[in-house]
Each structure stands twice: as C-alpha cells, then as structure tokens.
Amino acid sequence: MAADPPNPYRDLPLREIFAALNERAGELLKGDKPVGRRDTAYLLLAASKWIDDRAASIGSPAHQVRQGTPVPDAFLPEYQHGLRTLRYYELQRARDAAGLDHDAVLAHQKATGTLLGQPATDDEFRAALEWLEAARRGRASGAPGE
C-alpha cells in the first residue's frame, strides 16, 4: 500500500469529479472494458470527501485539530479552498447556463478588452456574473463587444 500512487481525484473540483464519476459509471454499465478496482476506489473516496469530511479522514481539518493543530489553522485553509472551488464551479455553471463556450468567452474578452478571471471575493463573483451577462447579450445581439 505504501508504494501506491496518490489519489488523482482527491483535490479535483466537483465538476471534474462529477465528470469522472459519470464516466466510470458508464464504463461499469457497458462492461466491455476492465475498470480498475483501485482507481474506482480512489474516485469513490474523492466523492465521499465532498459529501462528509469526517474526523477520521487523515488530513481533514477535524483530524488536524485532534493532532494538535489550532482550530483556525486547520479550518480556515479548507474554508478558503472551498470558497474558491464554489466560486469556480458556480461560474462555470453560469457560463454554461448563459450558453457561452470557451470561444465565446475569448471573443468577448478580445472585443471588450476585459477578462473574466477567477473571482476571489463575493463582489468579484458578482462582477464576473455581470460580465457573463454582457457576453450573453452581446452574443444574442450579434455584436461581439456588447
């Protein structure tokens, strides 16, 4: 077990775990190609982390506190990571809902000289959503910049 590679799914955003879970389910349902037990176990462990981060999970904030780490030092990085992940995930969902693909985002960036970027605060997230709305309106009107 010590020579096993690290879990490749552990720190993926929910969107990528969702895609990997669906791909694995499809492979299992088809039954026409072998699916690795260890890889499937890693995928399930990564998904379970998002559902319930138990104190027994090695490396979890609760586990760190039980090992002597101060509560703020253990939980603030996890909280900040969770906020970044949530903002990224919701921004991708908003982009998809607006009917914008990567090329449409690039076209709007070029036409307006503004970047979508990765929001770091709630205000920046709101601005990013407004940016997506402007890109959606511009695409609907046929004008690349508005």
N, C-alpha and C. Protein backbone atom coordinates (compact mmCIF):
# COMPACT_ATOMS: atom_id res chain seq x y z
N MET A 1 0.82 -1.19 0.00
CA MET A 1 0.00 0.00 0.00
C MET A 1 0.87 1.26 0.00
N ALA A 2 2.03 1.23 0.66
CA ALA A 2 2.88 2.42 0.74
C ALA A 2 3.40 2.83 -0.63
N ALA A 3 3.51 1.91 -1.58
CA ALA A 3 4.01 2.21 -2.91
C ALA A 3 2.89 2.66 -3.86
N ASP A 4 1.65 2.69 -3.37
CA ASP A 4 0.54 3.11 -4.22
C ASP A 4 0.68 4.58 -4.59
N PRO A 5 0.29 4.93 -5.82
CA PRO A 5 0.34 6.34 -6.20
C PRO A 5 -0.71 7.12 -5.43
N PRO A 6 -0.56 8.45 -5.34
CA PRO A 6 -1.56 9.24 -4.61
C PRO A 6 -2.89 9.24 -5.38
N ASN A 7 -3.95 9.54 -4.67
CA ASN A 7 -5.29 9.58 -5.25
C ASN A 7 -5.36 10.73 -6.25
N PRO A 8 -5.52 10.44 -7.56
CA PRO A 8 -5.52 11.51 -8.55
C PRO A 8 -6.79 12.35 -8.53
N TYR A 9 -7.81 11.92 -7.83
CA TYR A 9 -9.08 12.63 -7.80
C TYR A 9 -9.25 13.51 -6.57
N ARG A 10 -8.42 13.33 -5.58
CA ARG A 10 -8.61 13.92 -4.25
C ARG A 10 -8.90 15.42 -4.27
N ASP A 11 -8.17 16.20 -5.03
CA ASP A 11 -8.32 17.65 -4.98
C ASP A 11 -8.99 18.24 -6.22
N LEU A 12 -9.66 17.40 -7.00
CA LEU A 12 -10.35 17.91 -8.17
C LEU A 12 -11.58 18.71 -7.76
N PRO A 13 -11.94 19.70 -8.55
CA PRO A 13 -13.20 20.41 -8.28
C PRO A 13 -14.39 19.48 -8.51
N LEU A 14 -15.51 19.83 -7.92
CA LEU A 14 -16.70 18.99 -8.03
C LEU A 14 -17.07 18.70 -9.47
N ARG A 15 -16.93 19.67 -10.35
CA ARG A 15 -17.30 19.49 -11.75
C ARG A 15 -16.51 18.34 -12.37
N GLU A 16 -15.21 18.27 -12.08
CA GLU A 16 -14.37 17.22 -12.64
C GLU A 16 -14.64 15.87 -11.98
N ILE A 17 -14.95 15.88 -10.69
CA ILE A 17 -15.32 14.63 -10.01
C ILE A 17 -16.63 14.12 -10.59
N PHE A 18 -17.57 15.03 -10.82
CA PHE A 18 -18.85 14.67 -11.43
C PHE A 18 -18.61 13.98 -12.77
N ALA A 19 -17.75 14.58 -13.61
CA ALA A 19 -17.47 14.00 -14.93
C ALA A 19 -16.82 12.63 -14.80
N ALA A 20 -15.86 12.51 -13.88
CA ALA A 20 -15.18 11.23 -13.69
C ALA A 20 -16.13 10.16 -13.16
N LEU A 21 -17.02 10.54 -12.25
CA LEU A 21 -18.00 9.58 -11.73
C LEU A 21 -18.92 9.09 -12.84
N ASN A 22 -19.37 10.00 -13.69
CA ASN A 22 -20.25 9.61 -14.78
C ASN A 22 -19.53 8.73 -15.79
N GLU A 23 -18.28 9.06 -16.07
CA GLU A 23 -17.50 8.23 -16.99
C GLU A 23 -17.32 6.82 -16.43
N ARG A 24 -16.99 6.75 -15.14
CA ARG A 24 -16.79 5.44 -14.52
C ARG A 24 -18.08 4.64 -14.51
N ALA A 25 -19.20 5.30 -14.19
CA ALA A 25 -20.48 4.61 -14.19
C ALA A 25 -20.78 4.06 -15.58
N GLY A 26 -20.51 4.85 -16.60
CA GLY A 26 -20.71 4.37 -17.97
C GLY A 26 -19.87 3.15 -18.28
N GLU A 27 -18.60 3.17 -17.84
CA GLU A 27 -17.72 2.03 -18.07
C GLU A 27 -18.24 0.79 -17.35
N LEU A 28 -18.69 0.98 -16.13
CA LEU A 28 -19.22 -0.15 -15.37
C LEU A 28 -20.49 -0.70 -16.01
N LEU A 29 -21.35 0.18 -16.51
CA LEU A 29 -22.59 -0.27 -17.13
C LEU A 29 -22.36 -0.97 -18.46
N LYS A 30 -21.38 -0.49 -19.22
CA LYS A 30 -21.07 -1.13 -20.51
C LYS A 30 -20.51 -2.52 -20.28
N GLY A 31 -19.60 -2.62 -19.33
CA GLY A 31 -19.00 -3.91 -19.02
C GLY A 31 -18.10 -4.46 -20.11
N ASP A 32 -17.73 -3.62 -21.09
CA ASP A 32 -16.93 -4.14 -22.19
C ASP A 32 -15.44 -3.85 -22.05
N LYS A 33 -15.06 -3.16 -20.99
CA LYS A 33 -13.63 -2.97 -20.76
C LYS A 33 -13.36 -3.03 -19.26
N PRO A 34 -12.20 -3.47 -18.90
CA PRO A 34 -11.90 -3.60 -17.47
C PRO A 34 -11.79 -2.24 -16.79
N VAL A 35 -12.32 -2.18 -15.61
CA VAL A 35 -12.26 -0.97 -14.80
C VAL A 35 -11.47 -1.31 -13.55
N GLY A 36 -10.41 -0.55 -13.30
CA GLY A 36 -9.57 -0.84 -12.14
C GLY A 36 -10.26 -0.64 -10.82
N ARG A 37 -10.14 -1.62 -9.97
CA ARG A 37 -10.76 -1.53 -8.65
C ARG A 37 -10.15 -0.40 -7.83
N ARG A 38 -8.81 -0.27 -7.86
CA ARG A 38 -8.15 0.76 -7.08
C ARG A 38 -8.56 2.15 -7.56
N ASP A 39 -8.60 2.35 -8.90
CA ASP A 39 -8.99 3.64 -9.44
C ASP A 39 -10.43 3.98 -9.07
N THR A 40 -11.30 2.99 -9.13
CA THR A 40 -12.69 3.21 -8.74
C THR A 40 -12.77 3.55 -7.25
N ALA A 41 -11.98 2.88 -6.45
CA ALA A 41 -11.96 3.19 -5.01
C ALA A 41 -11.49 4.62 -4.78
N TYR A 42 -10.45 5.06 -5.49
CA TYR A 42 -9.96 6.44 -5.36
C TYR A 42 -11.06 7.43 -5.74
N LEU A 43 -11.77 7.15 -6.80
CA LEU A 43 -12.83 8.03 -7.25
C LEU A 43 -13.94 8.12 -6.21
N LEU A 44 -14.31 6.99 -5.65
CA LEU A 44 -15.34 6.99 -4.61
C LEU A 44 -14.88 7.74 -3.36
N LEU A 45 -13.62 7.58 -2.99
CA LEU A 45 -13.10 8.30 -1.82
C LEU A 45 -13.10 9.80 -2.06
N ALA A 46 -12.74 10.23 -3.26
CA ALA A 46 -12.74 11.66 -3.58
C ALA A 46 -14.15 12.22 -3.51
N ALA A 47 -15.11 11.48 -4.04
CA ALA A 47 -16.50 11.94 -4.00
C ALA A 47 -17.02 11.97 -2.56
N SER A 48 -16.66 10.98 -1.78
CA SER A 48 -17.16 10.93 -0.40
C SER A 48 -16.63 12.09 0.43
N LYS A 49 -15.45 12.58 0.10
CA LYS A 49 -14.87 13.73 0.81
C LYS A 49 -15.80 14.94 0.72
N TRP A 50 -16.45 15.10 -0.44
CA TRP A 50 -17.33 16.25 -0.62
C TRP A 50 -18.65 16.07 0.10
N ILE A 51 -19.01 14.83 0.35
CA ILE A 51 -20.29 14.55 1.00
C ILE A 51 -20.17 14.65 2.51
N ASP A 52 -19.10 14.09 3.09
CA ASP A 52 -18.94 14.11 4.54
C ASP A 52 -17.46 14.01 4.88
N ASP A 53 -16.91 15.10 5.36
CA ASP A 53 -15.49 15.15 5.72
C ASP A 53 -15.36 14.77 7.21
N ARG A 54 -15.29 13.51 7.46
CA ARG A 54 -15.26 13.01 8.83
C ARG A 54 -13.92 13.25 9.53
N ALA A 55 -13.98 13.28 10.83
CA ALA A 55 -12.78 13.49 11.63
C ALA A 55 -11.76 12.38 11.41
N ALA A 56 -12.24 11.20 11.04
CA ALA A 56 -11.33 10.07 10.86
C ALA A 56 -10.52 10.18 9.58
N SER A 57 -10.93 11.03 8.65
CA SER A 57 -10.21 11.17 7.39
C SER A 57 -8.86 11.82 7.64
N ILE A 58 -7.81 11.09 7.34
CA ILE A 58 -6.47 11.63 7.55
C ILE A 58 -6.29 12.88 6.70
N GLY A 59 -5.81 13.94 7.33
CA GLY A 59 -5.59 15.20 6.65
C GLY A 59 -6.77 16.15 6.71
N SER A 60 -7.94 15.67 7.16
CA SER A 60 -9.09 16.56 7.25
C SER A 60 -8.85 17.58 8.36
N PRO A 61 -9.53 18.73 8.30
CA PRO A 61 -9.35 19.73 9.37
C PRO A 61 -9.64 19.16 10.76
N ALA A 62 -10.69 18.35 10.87
CA ALA A 62 -11.01 17.77 12.18
C ALA A 62 -9.87 16.87 12.66
N HIS A 63 -9.31 16.09 11.76
CA HIS A 63 -8.19 15.22 12.12
C HIS A 63 -6.99 16.07 12.55
N GLN A 64 -6.73 17.16 11.83
CA GLN A 64 -5.62 18.05 12.19
C GLN A 64 -5.79 18.61 13.60
N VAL A 65 -7.01 19.01 13.94
CA VAL A 65 -7.27 19.55 15.28
C VAL A 65 -7.02 18.47 16.33
N ARG A 66 -7.46 17.25 16.06
CA ARG A 66 -7.22 16.16 17.00
C ARG A 66 -5.73 15.87 17.17
N GLN A 67 -4.93 16.25 16.15
CA GLN A 67 -3.49 16.05 16.22
C GLN A 67 -2.77 17.26 16.83
N GLY A 68 -3.53 18.28 17.26
CA GLY A 68 -2.94 19.42 17.95
C GLY A 68 -2.91 20.73 17.18
N THR A 69 -3.36 20.75 15.95
CA THR A 69 -3.39 21.99 15.17
C THR A 69 -4.48 22.89 15.72
N PRO A 70 -4.20 24.20 15.89
CA PRO A 70 -5.26 25.11 16.32
C PRO A 70 -6.43 25.11 15.33
N VAL A 71 -7.63 25.25 15.84
CA VAL A 71 -8.84 25.18 15.01
C VAL A 71 -8.78 26.16 13.83
N PRO A 72 -8.43 27.44 14.03
CA PRO A 72 -8.38 28.34 12.87
C PRO A 72 -7.36 27.90 11.82
N ASP A 73 -6.21 27.42 12.27
CA ASP A 73 -5.17 26.98 11.31
C ASP A 73 -5.62 25.76 10.51
N ALA A 74 -6.46 24.94 11.09
CA ALA A 74 -6.93 23.74 10.40
C ALA A 74 -8.10 24.04 9.47
N PHE A 75 -9.02 24.89 9.93
CA PHE A 75 -10.26 25.08 9.17
C PHE A 75 -10.25 26.24 8.19
N LEU A 76 -9.50 27.31 8.44
CA LEU A 76 -9.51 28.44 7.51
C LEU A 76 -8.99 28.08 6.12
N PRO A 77 -7.88 27.35 5.98
CA PRO A 77 -7.46 26.99 4.62
C PRO A 77 -8.50 26.15 3.88
N GLU A 78 -9.17 25.25 4.58
CA GLU A 78 -10.20 24.42 3.96
C GLU A 78 -11.39 25.28 3.54
N TYR A 79 -11.75 26.22 4.40
CA TYR A 79 -12.85 27.15 4.10
C TYR A 79 -12.51 28.00 2.87
N GLN A 80 -11.31 28.55 2.85
CA GLN A 80 -10.90 29.39 1.72
C GLN A 80 -10.84 28.58 0.43
N HIS A 81 -10.33 27.36 0.50
CA HIS A 81 -10.29 26.48 -0.67
C HIS A 81 -11.72 26.17 -1.14
N GLY A 82 -12.59 25.92 -0.19
CA GLY A 82 -13.98 25.64 -0.53
C GLY A 82 -14.65 26.81 -1.22
N LEU A 83 -14.39 28.04 -0.76
CA LEU A 83 -14.97 29.22 -1.39
C LEU A 83 -14.44 29.39 -2.82
N ARG A 84 -13.12 29.21 -3.01
CA ARG A 84 -12.56 29.30 -4.36
C ARG A 84 -13.18 28.26 -5.28
N THR A 85 -13.31 27.05 -4.77
CA THR A 85 -13.88 25.96 -5.56
C THR A 85 -15.34 26.26 -5.90
N LEU A 86 -16.10 26.72 -4.92
CA LEU A 86 -17.50 27.03 -5.14
C LEU A 86 -17.66 28.15 -6.17
N ARG A 87 -16.88 29.21 -6.03
CA ARG A 87 -16.98 30.31 -6.99
C ARG A 87 -16.64 29.81 -8.39
N TYR A 88 -15.58 29.03 -8.52
CA TYR A 88 -15.19 28.50 -9.83
C TYR A 88 -16.31 27.62 -10.40
N TYR A 89 -16.81 26.72 -9.59
CA TYR A 89 -17.85 25.79 -10.02
C TYR A 89 -19.11 26.55 -10.45
N GLU A 90 -19.56 27.50 -9.64
CA GLU A 90 -20.76 28.25 -9.97
C GLU A 90 -20.55 29.13 -11.18
N LEU A 91 -19.35 29.66 -11.36
CA LEU A 91 -19.07 30.48 -12.53
C LEU A 91 -19.14 29.63 -13.81
N GLN A 92 -18.65 28.40 -13.74
CA GLN A 92 -18.74 27.51 -14.89
C GLN A 92 -20.19 27.15 -15.18
N ARG A 93 -20.96 26.93 -14.14
CA ARG A 93 -22.39 26.64 -14.33
C ARG A 93 -23.11 27.83 -14.95
N ALA A 94 -22.76 29.03 -14.50
CA ALA A 94 -23.37 30.25 -15.04
C ALA A 94 -22.98 30.43 -16.50
N ARG A 95 -21.73 30.17 -16.83
CA ARG A 95 -21.26 30.27 -18.22
C ARG A 95 -22.04 29.29 -19.10
N ASP A 96 -22.19 28.07 -18.62
CA ASP A 96 -22.94 27.07 -19.37
C ASP A 96 -24.40 27.48 -19.53
N ALA A 97 -25.01 28.00 -18.45
CA ALA A 97 -26.41 28.42 -18.50
C ALA A 97 -26.60 29.58 -19.47
N ALA A 98 -25.58 30.43 -19.57
CA ALA A 98 -25.65 31.57 -20.49
C ALA A 98 -25.42 31.15 -21.93
N GLY A 99 -25.09 29.88 -22.14
CA GLY A 99 -24.86 29.37 -23.48
C GLY A 99 -23.52 29.80 -24.06
N LEU A 100 -22.56 30.06 -23.19
CA LEU A 100 -21.25 30.53 -23.63
C LEU A 100 -20.23 29.41 -23.52
N ASP A 101 -19.53 29.16 -24.61
CA ASP A 101 -18.43 28.20 -24.55
C ASP A 101 -17.12 28.99 -24.43
N HIS A 102 -16.03 28.28 -24.40
CA HIS A 102 -14.72 28.91 -24.22
C HIS A 102 -14.45 29.93 -25.33
N ASP A 103 -14.80 29.60 -26.56
CA ASP A 103 -14.56 30.51 -27.68
C ASP A 103 -15.36 31.80 -27.53
N ALA A 104 -16.60 31.70 -27.05
CA ALA A 104 -17.43 32.89 -26.85
C ALA A 104 -16.84 33.79 -25.77
N VAL A 105 -16.32 33.17 -24.72
CA VAL A 105 -15.68 33.95 -23.65
C VAL A 105 -14.44 34.67 -24.20
N LEU A 106 -13.63 33.95 -24.96
CA LEU A 106 -12.43 34.58 -25.56
C LEU A 106 -12.81 35.71 -26.50
N ALA A 107 -13.86 35.53 -27.30
CA ALA A 107 -14.30 36.57 -28.23
C ALA A 107 -14.75 37.82 -27.47
N HIS A 108 -15.48 37.63 -26.37
CA HIS A 108 -15.93 38.78 -25.58
C HIS A 108 -14.75 39.48 -24.92
N GLN A 109 -13.81 38.70 -24.44
CA GLN A 109 -12.60 39.30 -23.84
C GLN A 109 -11.86 40.15 -24.86
N LYS A 110 -11.71 39.63 -26.06
CA LYS A 110 -11.00 40.35 -27.11
C LYS A 110 -11.75 41.61 -27.52
N ALA A 111 -13.06 41.49 -27.67
CA ALA A 111 -13.87 42.61 -28.13
C ALA A 111 -13.95 43.74 -27.10
N THR A 112 -13.97 43.38 -25.83
CA THR A 112 -14.16 44.39 -24.79
C THR A 112 -12.87 44.78 -24.08
N GLY A 113 -11.84 43.96 -24.22
CA GLY A 113 -10.59 44.24 -23.51
C GLY A 113 -10.68 43.94 -22.03
N THR A 114 -11.73 43.21 -21.61
CA THR A 114 -11.87 42.83 -20.20
C THR A 114 -11.75 41.32 -20.08
N LEU A 115 -11.24 40.87 -18.96
CA LEU A 115 -11.06 39.45 -18.72
C LEU A 115 -12.11 38.94 -17.74
N LEU A 116 -12.49 37.69 -17.92
CA LEU A 116 -13.44 37.08 -16.98
C LEU A 116 -12.74 36.84 -15.65
N GLY A 117 -11.60 36.20 -15.68
CA GLY A 117 -10.83 35.98 -14.46
C GLY A 117 -11.48 35.02 -13.48
N GLN A 118 -10.78 34.78 -12.37
CA GLN A 118 -11.27 33.92 -11.30
C GLN A 118 -11.59 34.80 -10.10
N PRO A 119 -12.87 34.95 -9.75
CA PRO A 119 -13.24 35.84 -8.64
C PRO A 119 -12.71 35.35 -7.29
N ALA A 120 -12.17 36.29 -6.52
CA ALA A 120 -11.63 35.96 -5.20
C ALA A 120 -12.53 36.43 -4.07
N THR A 121 -13.53 37.26 -4.39
CA THR A 121 -14.44 37.78 -3.37
C THR A 121 -15.87 37.69 -3.91
N ASP A 122 -16.84 37.92 -3.03
CA ASP A 122 -18.23 37.92 -3.47
C ASP A 122 -18.49 39.04 -4.47
N ASP A 123 -17.89 40.21 -4.24
CA ASP A 123 -18.06 41.32 -5.18
C ASP A 123 -17.47 40.98 -6.55
N GLU A 124 -16.31 40.35 -6.57
CA GLU A 124 -15.70 39.94 -7.83
C GLU A 124 -16.55 38.85 -8.51
N PHE A 125 -17.16 37.99 -7.71
CA PHE A 125 -18.03 36.96 -8.28
C PHE A 125 -19.24 37.61 -8.95
N ARG A 126 -19.84 38.59 -8.27
CA ARG A 126 -20.97 39.31 -8.86
C ARG A 126 -20.55 39.99 -10.16
N ALA A 127 -19.37 40.62 -10.15
CA ALA A 127 -18.87 41.28 -11.36
C ALA A 127 -18.65 40.26 -12.48
N ALA A 128 -18.18 39.07 -12.14
CA ALA A 128 -17.97 38.03 -13.15
C ALA A 128 -19.31 37.57 -13.73
N LEU A 129 -20.34 37.47 -12.90
CA LEU A 129 -21.66 37.10 -13.39
C LEU A 129 -22.20 38.19 -14.32
N GLU A 130 -21.97 39.44 -13.96
CA GLU A 130 -22.40 40.55 -14.81
C GLU A 130 -21.62 40.54 -16.13
N TRP A 131 -20.34 40.17 -16.06
CA TRP A 131 -19.52 40.04 -17.27
C TRP A 131 -20.11 38.98 -18.19
N LEU A 132 -20.50 37.84 -17.60
CA LEU A 132 -21.12 36.78 -18.39
C LEU A 132 -22.44 37.24 -19.02
N GLU A 133 -23.20 38.02 -18.28
CA GLU A 133 -24.46 38.53 -18.83
C GLU A 133 -24.20 39.46 -20.00
N ALA A 134 -23.19 40.31 -19.90
CA ALA A 134 -22.84 41.20 -21.02
C ALA A 134 -22.39 40.38 -22.23
N ALA A 135 -21.63 39.33 -21.99
CA ALA A 135 -21.18 38.47 -23.08
C ALA A 135 -22.38 37.76 -23.72
N ARG A 136 -23.31 37.32 -22.89
CA ARG A 136 -24.52 36.64 -23.40
C ARG A 136 -25.35 37.60 -24.23
N ARG A 137 -25.55 38.82 -23.74
CA ARG A 137 -26.32 39.82 -24.50
C ARG A 137 -25.62 40.15 -25.81
N GLY A 138 -24.29 40.30 -25.75
CA GLY A 138 -23.54 40.59 -26.97
C GLY A 138 -23.66 39.49 -27.98
N ARG A 139 -23.63 38.28 -27.52
CA ARG A 139 -23.76 37.13 -28.43
C ARG A 139 -25.15 37.07 -29.03
N ALA A 140 -26.17 37.37 -28.21
CA ALA A 140 -27.55 37.33 -28.69
C ALA A 140 -27.82 38.42 -29.72
N SER A 141 -27.16 39.57 -29.54
CA SER A 141 -27.40 40.68 -30.48
C SER A 141 -26.50 40.59 -31.70
N GLY A 142 -25.54 39.70 -31.64
CA GLY A 142 -24.62 39.55 -32.76
C GLY A 142 -23.43 40.49 -32.68
N ALA A 143 -23.42 41.39 -31.71
CA ALA A 143 -22.30 42.32 -31.54
C ALA A 143 -21.30 41.67 -30.59
N PRO A 144 -20.05 41.49 -30.99
CA PRO A 144 -19.10 40.79 -30.13
C PRO A 144 -18.78 41.52 -28.84
N GLY A 145 -18.90 42.82 -28.78
CA GLY A 145 -18.45 43.54 -27.58
C GLY A 145 -19.53 43.96 -26.65
N GLU A 146 -20.79 43.75 -26.95
CA GLU A 146 -21.83 44.24 -26.06
C GLU A 146 -22.84 43.22 -25.72
